[in-house]
Amino acid sequence: MKVSVLVPAYEMGGLGQGFLFRNLDSIMSQSLKTATKRLRVEIVVSDHSPTGELRQVVESLSMPPGFQIRYEQNESGRGSASANLNFAFSKSSGEIIKILFQDDFFIDESALSRIVARFDENPESMWLVSGCCHSRDGRSFFSPMVPRYHDQIHLGSNTISSPSVLSIRRSAWLGFDTRLRWLLDVDYYKAMHNVFGAPMIINQPHVANGIGDHQVTSQGISQTRVLAETILVSRKYGPAVSHVVLSEFRGLMGKALKTVRKKIRLFRERFFSGRVTPECAGQLTRVEVLNRVIASIGATRYLEIGVNTRDQPGYSRDSIAVKIKHGVDPNPETAADFIETSDSFFASEKAGLYDVIFIDGLHLFEQAYRDLSNSLDHLSEGGVIALHDTRPTHRFSASRRHGRSSKWHGDVWRSAYMFRLIRKDIEMVTVDTDEGITLIWRSETPSPELEFTNDEIFSWKNYVQTYKFALCLISDDEFFRKFPVAKGPDKP
């Protein structure tokens, strides 16, 4: 049986040759005998370094009987371990594929033979993970780890370890997601489990993971990148955002706020320069937009989250033209029908289905996102959600702290971004009027997927650059065409 060992490699800031030599030496020390067969081992080194400096290591080696090595300089997808792994696989030919990252190495000379024997004993199983430990110097070992799979592994809690513990039948290769850097391994484990079921597990450590400053985990990936990748894998494996995503977002925003507050104090005027968006161009009020939507879809049941008091400028409930209308607000001074939080209301039996739901509650991302998710669950067929305050014009109105500006939009816009990132079954438009009114409904022809294009998708700078596309901005006239009324004037 031929076994292919894939070694994705790069220069590692001058450390690559030493790590690669240690890696290859551990492979060539492997026993080729199992109880029933003799192995042939093919080593595929896929080199991402632009100079091809690792070729010298490969050419200096003399292969023992039963081993062959293939060196490939890979010029595509540099910097992506996923792309390098996929390329290495395309150059391999073994029946069993074993991954061994360049800075990792075998610590057990019988590792490959044990792996093949386990595949022979379980012909229906398609993938295997083995135990590992860790080493800083290549001689002493610590933190042994027994792999364990769990259903939420794709969100970042890696209980299996790096892909160096992974072996796969050739016929089961799925390919690594080249969009991922931080979560490439846990995403792959989730995908394999979904397609082929649980892995075989060898508790004994076969591999040592090299620990040091050269590692991706030591070089520092921004929290925003981690969040963006978590959003991506959440979308792949289910429509609902997990508590892990929200928790990471809160942590991200907590750290970012300290930096922003300091900069605001020092460079307030400078921050406004070049980093503002124009005021909404439309002339419609929220009441006119809501009544137009109600008339267009023939709505009879309306829910308003965040009712306000009658003397506030944003009060709109009495002007909504619909047969049944309910309001939810925890403030007892409002005209709400249900004096409680929206979370409490949606969790109760009082919450039925509504044709139009207007969200104008607490202007913070996490609350607006929960309101969006809960509203979609309580939306009747053909219904529409309206989310207010998605068009802040400068960073102070978009602050998570109330009182920084005469207007407070908060970071509601981030919830619209997040919802579009994760949900693949909705259509979204934002009417560029009255501080921004984002309309969302289920659709078989959803809006184009919003992909993160950099590590700062939730930053103010990125919002200024992308809000028109990300929020699917439309004018008053486009809104009229999108929501026609059979009879009556063009405007409500």
Protein backbone atom coordinates (compact mmCIF):
# COMPACT_ATOMS: atom_id res chain seq x y z
CA MET A 1 0.00 0.00 0.00
CA LYS A 2 1.24 3.46 -0.87
CA VAL A 3 0.93 6.20 1.75
CA SER A 4 1.36 9.84 0.74
CA VAL A 5 2.66 12.22 3.41
CA LEU A 6 1.80 15.82 2.51
CA VAL A 7 4.24 18.43 3.80
CA PRO A 8 3.09 22.01 3.06
CA ALA A 9 6.22 24.11 3.41
CA TYR A 10 7.49 27.71 3.30
CA GLU A 11 10.61 29.62 4.32
CA MET A 12 9.38 30.50 7.84
CA GLY A 13 11.57 33.57 8.11
CA GLY A 14 14.78 31.58 7.69
CA LEU A 15 13.76 28.68 9.95
CA GLY A 16 12.15 26.61 7.21
CA GLN A 17 15.13 24.48 6.23
CA GLY A 18 15.80 23.28 9.77
CA PHE A 19 12.17 22.44 10.43
CA LEU A 20 11.82 20.65 7.10
CA PHE A 21 14.92 18.51 7.69
CA ARG A 22 13.58 17.42 11.11
CA ASN A 23 10.19 16.67 9.58
CA LEU A 24 11.56 14.58 6.70
CA ASP A 25 14.00 12.70 8.93
CA SER A 26 11.08 11.61 11.14
CA ILE A 27 9.19 10.35 8.08
CA MET A 28 12.16 8.38 6.71
CA SER A 29 12.55 6.73 10.12
CA GLN A 30 9.10 5.13 9.87
CA SER A 31 8.72 1.36 9.86
CA LEU A 32 7.22 0.11 6.59
CA LYS A 33 5.85 -3.18 7.93
CA THR A 34 2.38 -3.95 9.18
CA ALA A 35 1.03 -7.37 10.15
CA THR A 36 -0.28 -7.99 6.64
CA LYS A 37 1.63 -5.78 4.17
CA ARG A 38 4.64 -3.66 3.42
CA LEU A 39 4.20 0.04 2.87
CA ARG A 40 5.55 2.36 0.24
CA VAL A 41 5.81 5.97 1.33
CA GLU A 42 5.55 8.94 -0.99
CA ILE A 43 6.54 12.33 0.48
CA VAL A 44 5.14 15.39 -1.27
CA VAL A 45 6.80 18.67 -0.31
CA SER A 46 4.79 21.64 -1.58
CA ASP A 47 7.00 24.74 -1.22
CA HIS A 48 5.30 28.14 -0.97
CA SER A 49 8.55 30.09 -0.56
CA PRO A 50 9.20 32.40 -3.55
CA THR A 51 12.91 31.53 -3.69
CA GLY A 52 12.53 27.76 -3.68
CA GLU A 53 15.18 27.60 -0.96
CA LEU A 54 13.73 24.42 0.55
CA ARG A 55 14.64 22.46 -2.57
CA GLN A 56 18.20 22.21 -1.20
CA VAL A 57 16.97 20.19 1.77
CA VAL A 58 15.08 17.74 -0.43
CA GLU A 59 17.97 17.33 -2.86
CA SER A 60 20.44 16.67 -0.03
CA LEU A 61 18.53 13.61 1.19
CA SER A 62 19.14 10.01 0.25
CA MET A 63 15.87 8.09 0.33
CA PRO A 64 15.84 4.68 2.11
CA PRO A 65 14.24 1.72 0.29
CA GLY A 66 10.46 2.04 0.14
CA PHE A 67 10.52 5.87 0.24
CA GLN A 68 10.31 8.38 -2.54
CA ILE A 69 10.11 12.17 -2.36
CA ARG A 70 8.56 14.72 -4.66
CA TYR A 71 9.38 18.42 -4.47
CA GLU A 72 6.96 20.93 -5.96
CA GLN A 73 7.40 24.69 -5.87
CA ASN A 74 3.88 26.07 -5.51
CA GLU A 75 3.46 29.65 -6.74
CA SER A 76 -0.30 29.88 -6.27
CA GLY A 77 -2.11 30.96 -3.12
CA ARG A 78 1.01 31.93 -1.20
CA GLY A 79 0.37 32.46 2.50
CA SER A 80 -2.57 30.04 2.57
CA ALA A 81 -1.89 26.71 4.27
CA SER A 82 -5.21 25.48 2.86
CA ALA A 83 -4.15 26.23 -0.71
CA ASN A 84 -0.77 24.60 -0.13
CA LEU A 85 -2.37 21.45 1.29
CA ASN A 86 -4.79 21.19 -1.62
CA PHE A 87 -1.92 21.62 -4.09
CA ALA A 88 0.15 18.94 -2.35
CA PHE A 89 -2.77 16.52 -2.53
CA SER A 90 -3.12 17.16 -6.28
CA LYS A 91 0.48 15.97 -6.71
CA SER A 92 0.08 12.84 -4.57
CA SER A 93 -1.00 9.32 -5.48
CA GLY A 94 -1.25 7.34 -2.22
CA GLU A 95 -4.28 5.39 -1.05
CA ILE A 96 -3.87 6.86 2.43
CA ILE A 97 -3.13 10.57 2.82
CA LYS A 98 -1.18 11.66 5.91
CA ILE A 99 -0.66 15.36 6.65
CA LEU A 100 2.44 16.50 8.51
CA PHE A 101 3.06 20.23 8.76
CA GLN A 102 6.64 21.34 8.19
CA ASP A 103 7.37 22.26 11.82
CA ASP A 104 5.78 19.05 13.18
CA PHE A 105 7.32 15.58 13.24
CA PHE A 106 6.68 11.91 14.05
CA ILE A 107 7.76 10.79 17.53
CA ASP A 108 6.80 7.14 17.04
CA GLU A 109 8.57 5.08 14.34
CA SER A 110 5.53 2.82 14.05
CA ALA A 111 3.08 5.71 13.52
CA LEU A 112 2.42 5.15 9.80
CA SER A 113 2.17 1.38 10.14
CA ARG A 114 -0.29 1.74 13.04
CA ILE A 115 -2.39 4.21 11.05
CA VAL A 116 -2.54 1.90 8.02
CA ALA A 117 -3.38 -1.08 10.23
CA ARG A 118 -6.29 0.82 11.73
CA PHE A 119 -7.63 1.64 8.27
CA ASP A 120 -7.30 -2.06 7.32
CA GLU A 121 -9.24 -3.09 10.42
CA ASN A 122 -12.03 -0.58 9.65
CA PRO A 123 -12.63 -0.59 5.89
CA GLU A 124 -15.78 1.55 6.22
CA SER A 125 -14.04 4.37 8.10
CA MET A 126 -12.72 7.19 5.95
CA TRP A 127 -10.62 9.31 8.32
CA LEU A 128 -8.49 9.02 11.43
CA VAL A 129 -6.98 11.33 14.04
CA SER A 130 -4.20 10.37 16.40
CA GLY A 131 -2.87 11.71 19.67
CA CYS A 132 -0.14 14.32 19.80
CA CYS A 133 2.13 16.23 22.14
CA HIS A 134 4.10 19.46 21.86
CA SER A 135 7.76 20.40 21.69
CA ARG A 136 9.77 23.60 21.59
CA ASP A 137 13.22 22.13 21.01
CA GLY A 138 12.49 18.83 19.22
CA ARG A 139 13.81 16.80 22.16
CA SER A 140 11.55 17.38 25.17
CA PHE A 141 7.78 16.94 25.03
CA PHE A 142 4.84 18.29 26.98
CA SER A 143 1.03 18.65 26.96
CA PRO A 144 -0.01 15.29 25.47
CA MET A 145 -3.43 15.51 23.85
CA VAL A 146 -6.01 12.84 23.09
CA PRO A 147 -8.25 13.97 20.20
CA ARG A 148 -11.98 14.34 20.75
CA TYR A 149 -14.65 15.50 18.31
CA HIS A 150 -17.61 17.67 19.34
CA ASP A 151 -20.44 19.16 17.31
CA GLN A 152 -19.38 22.82 17.73
CA ILE A 153 -15.71 22.24 16.88
CA HIS A 154 -15.93 24.38 13.73
CA LEU A 155 -16.42 27.50 15.88
CA GLY A 156 -12.87 27.33 17.19
CA SER A 157 -12.73 25.06 20.24
CA ASN A 158 -10.19 22.65 18.73
CA THR A 159 -10.20 19.41 20.71
CA ILE A 160 -8.46 17.44 17.94
CA SER A 161 -5.31 19.54 17.28
CA SER A 162 -3.63 20.56 14.03
CA PRO A 163 -4.06 18.71 10.71
CA SER A 164 -0.76 16.94 11.45
CA VAL A 165 -2.80 14.39 13.43
CA LEU A 166 -5.08 13.75 10.44
CA SER A 167 -5.06 10.80 8.01
CA ILE A 168 -7.62 10.30 5.23
CA ARG A 169 -8.48 7.76 2.59
CA ARG A 170 -7.78 9.25 -0.79
CA SER A 171 -11.39 8.77 -1.88
CA ALA A 172 -12.57 10.88 1.07
CA TRP A 173 -10.47 13.98 0.44
CA LEU A 174 -12.72 17.07 0.58
CA GLY A 175 -10.20 19.86 0.13
CA PHE A 176 -9.50 22.64 2.64
CA ASP A 177 -11.41 25.94 2.47
CA THR A 178 -8.91 28.46 1.08
CA ARG A 179 -10.83 31.38 2.61
CA LEU A 180 -9.83 30.24 6.10
CA ARG A 181 -6.56 30.73 7.92
CA TRP A 182 -7.39 30.50 11.60
CA LEU A 183 -10.20 27.93 11.43
CA LEU A 184 -9.03 25.82 8.48
CA ASP A 185 -8.52 22.70 10.61
CA VAL A 186 -11.70 22.76 12.71
CA ASP A 187 -13.77 23.62 9.63
CA TYR A 188 -12.30 20.57 7.89
CA TYR A 189 -13.06 18.28 10.83
CA LYS A 190 -16.67 19.47 10.82
CA ALA A 191 -16.97 18.90 7.07
CA MET A 192 -15.48 15.39 7.31
CA HIS A 193 -17.80 14.48 10.17
CA ASN A 194 -20.84 15.74 8.27
CA VAL A 195 -19.98 13.67 5.19
CA PHE A 196 -18.29 10.56 6.60
CA GLY A 197 -19.28 10.37 10.26
CA ALA A 198 -17.02 10.10 13.29
CA PRO A 199 -13.27 9.60 12.86
CA MET A 200 -11.24 6.69 14.10
CA ILE A 201 -9.18 7.81 17.08
CA ILE A 202 -5.74 6.61 18.16
CA ASN A 203 -5.11 7.82 21.70
CA GLN A 204 -1.36 7.23 21.56
CA PRO A 205 0.69 10.32 20.56
CA HIS A 206 2.19 9.84 17.12
CA VAL A 207 3.11 13.44 16.32
CA ALA A 208 4.75 16.38 18.07
CA ASN A 209 3.50 19.85 17.21
CA GLY A 210 6.39 22.29 17.01
CA ILE A 211 5.76 25.29 19.26
CA GLY A 212 7.48 28.64 18.75
CA ASP A 213 7.33 32.21 17.53
CA HIS A 214 7.17 30.99 13.93
CA GLN A 215 3.61 29.70 14.40
CA VAL A 216 0.55 31.43 12.95
CA THR A 217 -0.98 31.41 16.43
CA SER A 218 2.06 33.29 17.75
CA GLN A 219 2.12 35.88 14.99
CA GLY A 220 -1.22 37.31 16.00
CA ILE A 221 -4.36 37.25 13.89
CA SER A 222 -6.74 40.13 14.52
CA GLN A 223 -9.85 39.40 16.53
CA THR A 224 -11.88 40.75 13.64
CA ARG A 225 -10.37 38.10 11.37
CA VAL A 226 -11.29 35.40 13.86
CA LEU A 227 -14.82 36.78 14.07
CA ALA A 228 -15.13 36.99 10.28
CA GLU A 229 -14.00 33.36 9.87
CA THR A 230 -16.37 32.27 12.64
CA ILE A 231 -19.21 33.97 10.80
CA LEU A 232 -18.22 32.18 7.60
CA VAL A 233 -18.19 28.70 9.14
CA SER A 234 -21.38 29.45 11.10
CA ARG A 235 -23.07 30.25 7.81
CA LYS A 236 -21.77 27.04 6.25
CA TYR A 237 -23.16 24.75 8.91
CA GLY A 238 -26.40 26.45 9.97
CA PRO A 239 -28.36 29.69 9.62
CA ALA A 240 -28.31 30.68 13.28
CA VAL A 241 -25.35 32.58 14.71
CA SER A 242 -24.01 30.83 17.79
CA HIS A 243 -23.37 32.33 21.18
CA VAL A 244 -19.68 31.92 20.40
CA VAL A 245 -19.91 34.47 17.59
CA LEU A 246 -21.74 36.97 19.77
CA SER A 247 -19.32 36.42 22.63
CA GLU A 248 -16.33 37.03 20.37
CA PHE A 249 -18.00 40.14 18.98
CA ARG A 250 -18.58 41.55 22.46
CA GLY A 251 -14.95 40.90 23.37
CA LEU A 252 -13.79 42.50 20.15
CA MET A 253 -15.94 45.57 20.67
CA GLY A 254 -14.87 45.92 24.30
CA LYS A 255 -11.21 46.21 23.31
CA ALA A 256 -11.92 48.36 20.29
CA LEU A 257 -13.97 50.83 22.36
CA LYS A 258 -11.04 51.65 24.62
CA THR A 259 -8.92 52.55 21.63
CA VAL A 260 -11.70 54.52 19.96
CA ARG A 261 -12.47 56.54 23.09
CA LYS A 262 -8.85 57.53 23.48
CA LYS A 263 -8.57 58.60 19.85
CA ILE A 264 -11.83 60.52 20.03
CA ARG A 265 -10.52 62.57 22.92
CA LEU A 266 -7.27 63.37 21.13
CA PHE A 267 -8.31 63.70 17.50
CA ARG A 268 -12.03 64.44 17.45
CA GLU A 269 -11.90 66.88 14.56
CA ARG A 270 -9.49 64.72 12.61
CA PHE A 271 -11.81 61.71 12.84
CA PHE A 272 -14.59 63.56 11.08
CA SER A 273 -12.36 64.49 8.16
CA GLY A 274 -12.86 62.12 5.23
CA ARG A 275 -14.73 59.53 7.29
CA VAL A 276 -18.34 60.56 7.08
CA THR A 277 -21.24 59.51 4.92
CA PRO A 278 -23.87 61.92 3.57
CA GLU A 279 -27.17 62.34 5.32
CA CYS A 280 -29.98 60.16 3.98
CA ALA A 281 -31.12 61.47 0.59
CA GLY A 282 -34.76 60.36 0.88
CA GLN A 283 -37.70 62.42 2.11
CA LEU A 284 -39.97 59.65 3.37
CA THR A 285 -40.65 59.22 7.07
CA ARG A 286 -40.63 55.86 8.81
CA VAL A 287 -44.43 56.00 9.05
CA GLU A 288 -44.73 56.49 5.27
CA VAL A 289 -42.34 53.61 4.61
CA LEU A 290 -44.15 51.28 7.01
CA ASN A 291 -47.61 52.15 5.71
CA ARG A 292 -46.43 51.63 2.13
CA VAL A 293 -45.08 48.17 3.00
CA ILE A 294 -48.30 47.31 4.85
CA ALA A 295 -50.44 48.37 1.87
CA SER A 296 -48.21 46.61 -0.65
CA ILE A 297 -48.26 43.19 1.02
CA GLY A 298 -51.77 43.47 2.49
CA ALA A 299 -50.58 43.21 6.07
CA THR A 300 -53.07 42.92 8.92
CA ARG A 301 -50.80 42.26 11.92
CA TYR A 302 -48.04 44.68 12.96
CA LEU A 303 -45.48 44.50 15.76
CA GLU A 304 -43.31 47.37 16.95
CA ILE A 305 -40.23 46.73 19.09
CA GLY A 306 -39.26 49.91 20.89
CA VAL A 307 -42.41 52.03 21.11
CA ASN A 308 -41.14 55.27 22.71
CA THR A 309 -43.42 57.73 24.49
CA ARG A 310 -45.96 59.87 22.66
CA ASP A 311 -43.96 63.08 23.16
CA GLN A 312 -40.80 61.70 21.53
CA PRO A 313 -40.05 62.66 17.89
CA GLY A 314 -39.72 59.02 16.87
CA TYR A 315 -43.17 57.99 18.10
CA SER A 316 -45.04 56.34 15.23
CA ARG A 317 -47.36 53.65 16.55
CA ASP A 318 -50.61 55.65 16.41
CA SER A 319 -50.03 56.55 12.74
CA ILE A 320 -49.59 52.99 11.46
CA ALA A 321 -52.55 52.01 9.26
CA VAL A 322 -53.13 48.36 10.10
CA LYS A 323 -55.92 46.34 11.69
CA ILE A 324 -53.95 44.74 14.54
CA LYS A 325 -50.86 46.38 16.02
CA HIS A 326 -48.88 45.45 19.09
CA GLY A 327 -45.99 47.23 20.78
CA VAL A 328 -43.24 45.91 23.04
CA ASP A 329 -41.10 48.11 25.30
CA PRO A 330 -39.76 47.65 28.84
CA ASN A 331 -40.45 51.31 29.72
CA PRO A 332 -43.82 51.55 31.57
CA GLU A 333 -44.21 55.16 30.39
CA THR A 334 -44.55 54.12 26.76
CA ALA A 335 -47.74 53.23 24.91
CA ALA A 336 -46.62 49.62 24.54
CA ASP A 337 -49.08 46.75 24.90
CA PHE A 338 -46.43 44.54 26.49
CA ILE A 339 -44.20 46.23 29.08
CA GLU A 340 -41.22 43.90 28.87
CA THR A 341 -38.04 43.34 26.91
CA SER A 342 -38.28 42.00 23.39
CA ASP A 343 -36.26 38.93 24.46
CA SER A 344 -38.88 38.15 27.11
CA PHE A 345 -41.75 38.79 24.73
CA PHE A 346 -40.44 36.52 21.98
CA ALA A 347 -39.76 33.75 24.50
CA SER A 348 -43.37 33.82 25.71
CA GLU A 349 -46.56 32.38 24.29
CA LYS A 350 -47.83 35.91 23.60
CA ALA A 351 -45.65 36.22 20.52
CA GLY A 352 -47.54 35.06 17.46
CA LEU A 353 -46.94 35.64 13.75
CA TYR A 354 -46.84 39.16 12.32
CA ASP A 355 -46.89 40.49 8.78
CA VAL A 356 -44.72 43.54 9.47
CA ILE A 357 -42.28 43.90 12.38
CA PHE A 358 -40.62 47.25 13.03
CA ILE A 359 -37.43 47.09 15.12
CA ASP A 360 -36.44 50.34 16.81
CA GLY A 361 -35.27 49.17 20.22
CA LEU A 362 -31.89 49.36 21.94
CA HIS A 363 -29.34 50.58 19.38
CA LEU A 364 -26.66 48.00 20.11
CA PHE A 365 -25.51 45.25 17.77
CA GLU A 366 -26.23 42.26 20.00
CA GLN A 367 -29.77 43.36 20.86
CA ALA A 368 -30.62 44.36 17.30
CA TYR A 369 -29.29 41.04 16.05
CA ARG A 370 -31.37 39.06 18.53
CA ASP A 371 -34.42 41.11 17.55
CA LEU A 372 -33.77 40.34 13.88
CA SER A 373 -33.38 36.62 14.52
CA ASN A 374 -36.47 36.41 16.73
CA SER A 375 -38.52 38.53 14.32
CA LEU A 376 -37.71 36.25 11.41
CA ASP A 377 -38.95 33.32 13.47
CA HIS A 378 -42.24 35.16 14.08
CA LEU A 379 -42.72 36.51 10.57
CA SER A 380 -45.70 35.29 8.56
CA GLU A 381 -45.28 34.06 5.00
CA GLY A 382 -44.65 37.05 2.77
CA GLY A 383 -43.98 39.29 5.78
CA VAL A 384 -41.38 42.05 6.07
CA ILE A 385 -39.04 43.17 8.88
CA ALA A 386 -38.09 46.86 9.08
CA LEU A 387 -34.90 47.70 11.02
CA HIS A 388 -34.44 51.38 11.85
CA ASP A 389 -31.26 53.48 12.30
CA THR A 390 -28.97 51.55 9.95
CA ARG A 391 -27.53 54.69 8.30
CA PRO A 392 -25.25 56.51 10.75
CA THR A 393 -23.43 59.43 9.17
CA HIS A 394 -20.39 59.72 11.40
CA ARG A 395 -18.58 57.59 13.95
CA PHE A 396 -20.02 59.41 16.96
CA SER A 397 -23.64 58.77 16.01
CA ALA A 398 -22.55 55.16 15.46
CA SER A 399 -20.96 54.93 18.90
CA ARG A 400 -22.08 52.17 21.25
CA ARG A 401 -22.35 54.83 23.96
CA HIS A 402 -25.42 57.05 23.97
CA GLY A 403 -24.84 60.80 24.18
CA ARG A 404 -21.82 61.18 21.90
CA SER A 405 -23.90 62.95 19.28
CA SER A 406 -27.25 64.69 18.84
CA LYS A 407 -28.36 61.56 16.98
CA TRP A 408 -27.72 58.04 18.21
CA HIS A 409 -27.83 55.23 15.68
CA GLY A 410 -25.53 53.00 17.69
CA ASP A 411 -24.05 50.03 15.84
CA VAL A 412 -27.37 48.70 14.54
CA TRP A 413 -25.78 48.70 11.08
CA ARG A 414 -23.46 45.93 12.22
CA SER A 415 -26.45 43.68 12.92
CA ALA A 416 -27.64 44.21 9.32
CA TYR A 417 -24.15 43.31 8.05
CA MET A 418 -24.06 40.22 10.27
CA PHE A 419 -27.54 39.10 9.25
CA ARG A 420 -26.66 39.36 5.57
CA LEU A 421 -23.38 37.52 6.15
CA ILE A 422 -25.05 34.58 7.86
CA ARG A 423 -28.52 34.25 6.37
CA LYS A 424 -28.67 32.84 2.85
CA ASP A 425 -32.48 32.81 2.64
CA ILE A 426 -33.28 36.52 2.86
CA GLU A 427 -33.51 39.54 0.60
CA MET A 428 -32.51 42.91 2.00
CA VAL A 429 -32.79 46.53 0.92
CA THR A 430 -32.23 49.73 2.86
CA VAL A 431 -34.36 52.76 2.05
CA ASP A 432 -32.02 55.76 2.20
CA THR A 433 -34.37 57.85 4.30
CA ASP A 434 -35.21 58.66 7.95
CA GLU A 435 -31.83 57.51 9.38
CA GLY A 436 -31.93 54.33 7.27
CA ILE A 437 -34.73 51.76 7.19
CA THR A 438 -33.52 48.27 6.30
CA LEU A 439 -36.24 45.95 4.98
CA ILE A 440 -35.73 42.18 5.21
CA TRP A 441 -37.88 39.30 4.03
CA ARG A 442 -37.50 35.63 3.19
CA SER A 443 -36.81 35.06 -0.47
CA GLU A 444 -36.00 32.28 -2.92
CA THR A 445 -33.84 34.83 -4.77
CA PRO A 446 -31.85 36.33 -1.90
CA SER A 447 -29.58 39.34 -2.09
CA PRO A 448 -26.03 38.55 -3.27
CA GLU A 449 -24.03 37.08 -0.40
CA LEU A 450 -21.96 39.59 1.52
CA GLU A 451 -18.42 38.27 1.85
CA PHE A 452 -15.79 39.72 4.13
CA THR A 453 -13.13 41.32 1.95
CA ASN A 454 -10.68 42.30 4.67
CA ASP A 455 -10.03 41.83 8.36
CA GLU A 456 -11.94 44.96 9.39
CA ILE A 457 -15.43 44.45 8.01
CA PHE A 458 -17.03 45.79 11.19
CA SER A 459 -14.82 48.90 11.37
CA TRP A 460 -16.14 52.38 10.76
CA LYS A 461 -13.67 52.89 7.92
CA ASN A 462 -15.00 49.83 6.14
CA TYR A 463 -18.60 50.96 6.70
CA VAL A 464 -17.88 54.30 4.99
CA GLN A 465 -16.42 52.45 2.01
CA THR A 466 -19.04 49.70 1.65
CA TYR A 467 -22.36 50.80 3.17
CA LYS A 468 -24.13 51.32 -0.17
CA PHE A 469 -23.48 47.75 -1.31
CA ALA A 470 -23.54 46.06 2.08
CA LEU A 471 -26.89 47.60 3.07
CA CYS A 472 -28.32 47.31 -0.48
CA LEU A 473 -29.16 51.02 -0.44
CA ILE A 474 -32.16 52.18 -2.53
CA SER A 475 -33.82 55.54 -3.14
CA ASP A 476 -37.43 56.53 -2.40
CA ASP A 477 -38.38 55.91 -6.04
CA GLU A 478 -36.77 52.47 -6.06
CA PHE A 479 -38.62 51.69 -2.85
CA PHE A 480 -41.96 52.60 -4.50
CA ARG A 481 -41.20 50.23 -7.38
CA LYS A 482 -40.11 47.49 -4.99
CA PHE A 483 -43.33 47.76 -2.97
CA PRO A 484 -46.10 48.68 -5.43
CA VAL A 485 -49.65 49.42 -4.34
CA ALA A 486 -52.46 48.27 -6.60
CA LYS A 487 -54.47 51.46 -6.27
CA GLY A 488 -53.82 54.95 -5.03
CA PRO A 489 -51.00 57.45 -5.41
CA ASP A 490 -47.35 56.53 -5.68
CA LYS A 491 -46.68 57.88 -2.24
CA PRO A 492 -48.47 56.68 0.89
